[in-house]
Structures are given as C-alpha cells and as structure tokens.
Protein backbone atom coordinates (compact mmCIF):
# COMPACT_ATOMS: atom_id res chain seq x y z
CA MET A 1 -14.74 -20.94 -3.76
CA SER A 2 -17.71 -22.26 -6.09
CA THR A 3 -19.14 -20.20 -7.98
CA GLN A 4 -22.51 -20.04 -6.50
CA LEU A 5 -20.81 -18.86 -3.37
CA LEU A 6 -19.23 -16.02 -5.74
CA VAL A 7 -23.20 -15.10 -6.38
CA GLU A 8 -24.76 -15.24 -3.02
CA ALA A 9 -21.16 -13.33 -1.94
CA LEU A 10 -21.56 -10.53 -4.95
CA ALA A 11 -25.71 -10.43 -4.36
CA ARG A 12 -24.61 -9.76 -0.28
CA ASP A 13 -22.09 -7.16 -1.87
CA ALA A 14 -24.18 -3.22 -1.73
CA GLN A 15 -22.61 -2.90 -5.44
CA PHE A 16 -24.23 -5.53 -6.73
CA TYR A 17 -27.75 -6.94 -7.12
CA MET A 18 -28.95 -10.11 -8.04
CA ILE A 19 -31.85 -11.14 -11.24
CA GLU A 20 -32.74 -14.06 -12.89
CA SER A 21 -30.48 -15.75 -16.06
CA PRO A 22 -31.78 -18.14 -18.26
CA SER A 23 -29.75 -21.25 -17.34
CA SER A 24 -29.49 -22.45 -21.17
CA GLY A 25 -26.68 -20.95 -24.30
CA PRO A 26 -28.99 -19.84 -26.58
CA ALA A 27 -31.07 -18.82 -23.64
CA LEU A 28 -28.10 -16.37 -22.70
CA PHE A 29 -27.12 -15.43 -25.51
CA SER A 30 -30.01 -13.64 -26.70
CA LEU A 31 -29.61 -12.46 -23.28
CA VAL A 32 -26.79 -10.93 -23.70
CA LYS A 33 -27.40 -9.58 -27.27
CA ARG A 34 -30.13 -7.79 -25.73
CA GLU A 35 -29.01 -6.51 -23.20
CA LYS A 36 -25.59 -6.26 -23.99
CA PRO A 37 -24.57 -6.81 -20.54
CA HIS A 38 -20.79 -4.05 -19.80
CA VAL A 39 -19.32 -7.70 -17.71
CA ALA A 40 -19.72 -11.44 -18.14
CA VAL A 41 -17.97 -13.41 -15.52
CA VAL A 42 -18.47 -16.74 -17.20
CA SER A 43 -17.19 -20.22 -15.42
CA ALA A 44 -14.06 -21.72 -17.85
CA LYS A 45 -15.67 -25.48 -16.64
CA LEU A 46 -19.39 -26.23 -17.89
CA GLY A 47 -20.02 -29.39 -17.97
CA GLU A 48 -17.28 -31.30 -17.90
CA THR A 49 -14.90 -29.79 -19.05
CA HIS A 50 -13.39 -26.12 -20.14
CA ALA A 51 -14.42 -26.14 -23.98
CA ARG A 52 -17.59 -25.09 -23.53
CA GLY A 53 -16.76 -22.60 -21.04
CA PHE A 54 -13.98 -20.35 -23.62
CA GLU A 55 -17.02 -21.42 -26.16
CA TRP A 56 -19.49 -19.61 -24.35
CA VAL A 57 -17.23 -16.52 -24.36
CA ARG A 58 -16.84 -16.20 -28.16
CA GLU A 59 -20.37 -15.92 -28.10
CA ILE A 60 -20.78 -13.62 -25.74
CA ARG A 61 -17.85 -11.77 -27.47
CA ALA A 62 -19.70 -12.64 -30.57
CA GLN A 63 -23.19 -11.35 -29.45
CA SER A 64 -22.25 -8.12 -27.37
CA PRO A 65 -18.46 -7.06 -28.76
CA SER A 66 -18.94 -4.41 -26.15
CA THR A 67 -19.29 -6.86 -23.73
CA ARG A 68 -16.28 -7.36 -21.69
CA VAL A 69 -15.19 -10.79 -20.36
CA ILE A 70 -14.08 -12.65 -16.98
CA VAL A 71 -12.75 -16.14 -16.93
CA LEU A 72 -13.48 -18.26 -13.44
CA LEU A 73 -10.71 -20.88 -13.07
CA ASP A 74 -10.77 -23.84 -10.93
CA ALA A 75 -6.73 -22.82 -10.97
CA SER A 76 -3.93 -20.95 -13.27
CA GLU A 77 -3.46 -23.32 -15.26
CA ARG A 78 -0.84 -22.62 -18.15
CA SER A 79 -3.08 -24.12 -21.15
CA SER A 80 -6.30 -22.57 -19.70
CA VAL A 81 -5.03 -18.70 -19.08
CA VAL A 82 -4.21 -18.90 -22.61
CA GLU A 83 -7.21 -20.25 -24.23
CA ALA A 84 -8.96 -17.94 -22.44
CA PHE A 85 -7.54 -14.94 -23.17
CA ARG A 86 -7.62 -16.66 -27.08
CA ALA A 87 -11.02 -16.71 -26.72
CA GLY A 88 -11.95 -13.40 -26.27
CA ALA A 89 -11.53 -12.51 -22.00
CA GLN A 90 -9.90 -9.09 -20.39
CA GLY A 91 -9.07 -10.71 -17.63
CA VAL A 92 -8.94 -13.95 -15.76
CA PHE A 93 -9.74 -14.72 -11.45
CA CYS A 94 -8.86 -18.34 -10.33
CA ARG A 95 -11.30 -19.21 -7.45
CA THR A 96 -8.72 -19.83 -5.20
CA GLU A 97 -7.48 -16.03 -4.85
CA PRO A 98 -9.44 -14.14 -2.36
CA PHE A 99 -12.81 -12.99 -2.76
CA ARG A 100 -12.36 -8.90 -2.33
CA LEU A 101 -10.43 -9.49 -5.08
CA LEU A 102 -13.36 -10.77 -7.61
CA ALA A 103 -14.45 -7.55 -6.69
CA LYS A 104 -11.75 -5.11 -7.50
CA CYS A 105 -11.36 -7.23 -10.49
CA ILE A 106 -14.51 -6.27 -12.08
CA GLN A 107 -14.07 -2.50 -11.86
CA CYS A 108 -10.69 -2.90 -13.17
CA VAL A 109 -12.19 -4.37 -16.24
CA HIS A 110 -15.30 -2.74 -16.22
CA GLN A 111 -13.26 0.66 -16.74
CA GLY A 112 -11.26 -0.63 -19.61
CA GLN A 113 -8.20 -2.84 -17.87
CA VAL A 114 -6.79 -5.94 -18.59
CA TRP A 115 -6.92 -8.32 -14.92
CA VAL A 116 -3.97 -11.03 -14.98
CA ASN A 117 -1.56 -11.46 -12.23
CA SER A 118 3.02 -11.03 -13.42
CA THR A 119 2.47 -15.37 -13.55
CA GLU A 120 -0.28 -15.32 -15.95
CA LEU A 121 1.13 -12.38 -17.75
CA HIS A 122 3.91 -14.52 -18.37
CA TYR A 123 2.03 -17.34 -20.09
CA VAL A 124 0.88 -15.21 -22.67
CA LEU A 125 4.04 -13.47 -23.14
CA GLU A 126 5.07 -16.89 -23.66
CA ALA A 127 2.62 -18.06 -25.84
CA LEU A 128 3.36 -14.56 -27.86
CA ALA A 129 6.96 -16.14 -28.39
CA LYS A 130 6.73 -18.63 -31.11
CA PRO A 131 3.21 -18.71 -33.38
CA THR A 132 2.21 -16.35 -35.73
CA LEU A 133 1.20 -12.66 -34.87
CA SER A 134 -2.06 -11.59 -35.52
CA ASN A 135 -2.18 -10.05 -39.29
CA PHE A 136 -4.48 -6.93 -38.45
CA GLN A 137 -5.95 -6.91 -41.97
CA THR A 138 -9.45 -5.53 -42.63
CA ASN A 139 -11.90 -5.57 -45.04
CA GLY A 140 -10.07 -1.79 -46.00
CA GLY A 141 -6.77 -3.50 -45.95
CA SER A 142 -4.14 -3.86 -43.49
CA LEU A 143 -5.04 -2.27 -40.15
CA LEU A 144 -1.36 -1.42 -39.36
CA SER A 145 1.83 -0.25 -41.67
CA ALA A 146 4.78 -3.11 -41.62
CA ARG A 147 6.97 -0.68 -38.86
CA GLU A 148 3.93 -1.23 -36.78
CA ILE A 149 3.55 -4.98 -36.76
CA ASP A 150 7.55 -5.12 -35.94
CA VAL A 151 6.87 -2.87 -32.80
CA VAL A 152 4.34 -5.19 -31.76
CA ARG A 153 6.27 -7.77 -32.46
CA CYS A 154 8.75 -6.60 -30.20
CA VAL A 155 6.45 -5.87 -28.19
CA ALA A 156 4.84 -9.40 -27.91
CA GLU A 157 8.21 -10.81 -26.49
CA GLY A 158 8.93 -7.80 -23.50
CA LEU A 159 11.04 -6.09 -24.97
CA THR A 160 11.63 -2.26 -23.66
CA ASN A 161 10.67 0.71 -25.87
CA ARG A 162 14.86 0.92 -25.66
CA GLU A 163 15.50 -2.88 -26.45
CA VAL A 164 13.32 -2.21 -29.17
CA ALA A 165 14.55 0.94 -30.45
CA GLN A 166 17.86 -1.37 -30.68
CA ARG A 167 16.49 -4.08 -32.20
CA LEU A 168 14.52 -1.92 -35.32
CA LYS A 169 17.51 0.43 -35.36
CA LEU A 170 15.28 3.65 -34.08
CA THR A 171 14.92 6.12 -31.59
CA GLU A 172 12.57 5.24 -28.01
CA HIS A 173 11.11 8.87 -28.92
CA THR A 174 10.09 7.12 -32.12
CA VAL A 175 9.34 4.21 -30.46
CA LYS A 176 6.82 5.70 -28.08
CA ASN A 177 5.06 7.31 -31.64
CA TYR A 178 4.58 4.55 -33.02
CA LEU A 179 2.69 2.33 -29.24
CA PHE A 180 0.92 5.88 -29.71
CA ARG A 181 -0.53 5.30 -33.09
CA ILE A 182 -0.54 1.01 -32.40
CA PHE A 183 -3.11 2.26 -29.06
CA ASP A 184 -4.60 3.89 -31.73
CA LYS A 185 -5.82 2.26 -34.58
CA LEU A 186 -6.66 -0.86 -31.99
CA GLY A 187 -8.13 1.12 -30.06
CA VAL A 188 -6.01 -0.07 -26.68
CA SER A 189 -4.64 1.81 -23.88
CA SER A 190 -1.99 0.07 -22.35
CA ARG A 191 1.43 -2.30 -23.93
CA VAL A 192 -0.10 -5.19 -22.64
CA GLU A 193 -3.67 -5.02 -24.48
CA VAL A 194 -1.47 -4.50 -27.14
CA VAL A 195 0.36 -7.87 -26.54
CA LEU A 196 -3.93 -9.68 -26.79
CA TYR A 197 -4.58 -8.25 -29.20
CA ALA A 198 -2.01 -10.11 -31.13
CA LEU A 199 -3.00 -13.02 -29.50
CA GLY A 200 -6.09 -13.27 -31.36
CA SER A 201 -8.14 -12.36 -28.70
CA ALA A 202 -11.41 -9.13 -29.91
CA VAL A 203 -10.08 -6.09 -29.96
CA PRO A 204 -10.87 -4.54 -26.85
CA HIS A 205 -13.82 -1.91 -26.25
CA PRO A 206 -13.45 1.96 -24.67
CA ALA A 207 -14.59 1.91 -21.04
CA PRO A 208 -17.67 3.59 -20.55
CA PRO A 209 -17.44 7.65 -19.41
CA GLN A 210 -17.02 7.89 -16.00
CA SER A 211 -19.80 10.89 -16.78
CA ASN A 212 -22.32 8.19 -17.94
CA ARG A 213 -24.92 7.81 -15.57
CA ARG A 214 -26.42 4.44 -17.05
CA GLN A 215 -25.95 1.52 -14.38
CA ALA A 216 -22.80 -1.38 -15.80
CA GLN A 217 -24.04 -4.90 -15.83
CA LEU A 218 -22.45 -7.71 -14.87
CA VAL A 219 -23.91 -11.67 -16.20
CA ALA A 220 -22.54 -14.18 -13.65
CA VAL A 221 -22.31 -17.82 -15.44
CA SER A 222 -21.85 -20.95 -13.85
CA PRO A 223 -21.41 -24.48 -14.37
CA SER A 224 -24.92 -26.51 -15.51
CA ALA A 225 -24.80 -28.34 -13.09
CA PRO A 226 -27.09 -27.39 -9.91
CA PRO A 227 -29.74 -26.04 -12.11
CA PRO A 228 -32.45 -24.08 -11.54
CA SER A 229 -29.89 -22.08 -9.32
CA THR A 230 -27.53 -20.54 -11.94
CA PRO A 231 -26.46 -19.15 -13.81
CA VAL A 232 -28.13 -15.64 -12.67
CA VAL A 233 -27.18 -12.17 -14.30
CA LEU A 234 -26.27 -9.77 -11.81
CA ARG A 235 -26.88 -5.94 -12.35
CA LYS A 236 -23.69 -3.29 -10.72
CA SER A 237 -24.73 0.08 -9.82
CA ALA A 238 -23.75 3.10 -10.97
CA THR A 239 -20.77 5.03 -8.74
C-alpha cells in the first residue's frame, strides 16, 4: 500500500484526523520541535534513495527526543531494518503488511513498546554479533558498570538469563538484578530495548501515563512526490 493510501486510510479511522503539514524538511523539523508529537511515521524512501529517510529520522529524534519514530519500509530487507534502528526508530512497518496492523503498530510504539517481527529482530541481533556496542558514556562518566556492560553484551547475543549466568559465572537471580538496574539506568523496560540501545539508537523515553488526557500526536511523513498533498500530520485522539 502506498504512503498516500495509508494516510487516507488512517484519516478514515475514528482515532485519527488530518491537519496540514509542511512538505519541506526544515519546515517539518521546525513543526516537530514546536509540537513535539508522540509518534512520527516516516517513509524510508524520500526521493530516490533510502538515505534521506533515515537522515530525517535522526533529525526528528534530535529536534524532539521524546518523539517515537516508525519507519515505513517497501520491503523488510536486512540493511533497511538495521539502519532504521540505528537511526533511532522504535519500530519498522512494511507496506506489504495488512493495514490493520499499522494502527496497532502506532499504538504499541506510543505505549513505549518496540514494533518488530521475529525475522527483523533476528537481523538486528545479527548486526550486533560483531560490531562494537555503545560505550555507554555520559558527560559524568560511564553510564553502566563493567559487569553491567558484560550482561548487555550477552543479552545482545540473544542469550537467556540462565546462559548469561553460566557465561559470567553468576546466579540467575544476580543476572535479573543486573538487568533491572540496566533497565533503570537506560530508561528502558525490555531486553529488546536494551539491544536497540546497544545498537546505537537514542535512549527510548517512557510513554506518557495512561491518565494523561492530552492528545497524542502522530506525524506521517511521506515521499517528496507528489506534492503538495504529502506529507501530512495526523493527531491520535486519547482513548
């Protein structure tokens, strides 16, 4: 399904309504910085290549760190999936998937989850097998202890808690305690998010509390052609 058809289908959903959005990058980034939308849906291919789409993902995350990004892919190719998460996306969605899953994808990402299928997650884990993981450095020093980084490396390899314990000669209970501390320090809530952090993505931000009645905004960024109907901005009504 094309981006324009996806936008039109979302507009018919009772949860969404459309408002006008700038079609140029600088104007869009200014909008994102000002409005700080909760979720941005960005087409990986803007223009002739995918590179521009991933650059937009990085810029959106830079302008509004709290905005979660979903990348629309033409196909779930290994390089595109890995690059999307490297750029800072919290989810990828292939155009060949049923449309009903896109709404679910948006909801899950807005709630702080990561949207990726098992094959795509395998691509991400394979990308982590050899490259150096994040050094977890901050201005104040190392974010994680040496032992916590060891645990992260094991998790990135796909090891279970028992396997991590065996490799590091720890008890499973100790491994769980390390993971809880790692989750807390990185501001994440799952092993998948730890892996994405190690891959080099920006730190995920906690989802807004369910009691927050402010509308959750959704920005949908589609290819540069055909203007001026795209891109558009959608707002997702609070439930």
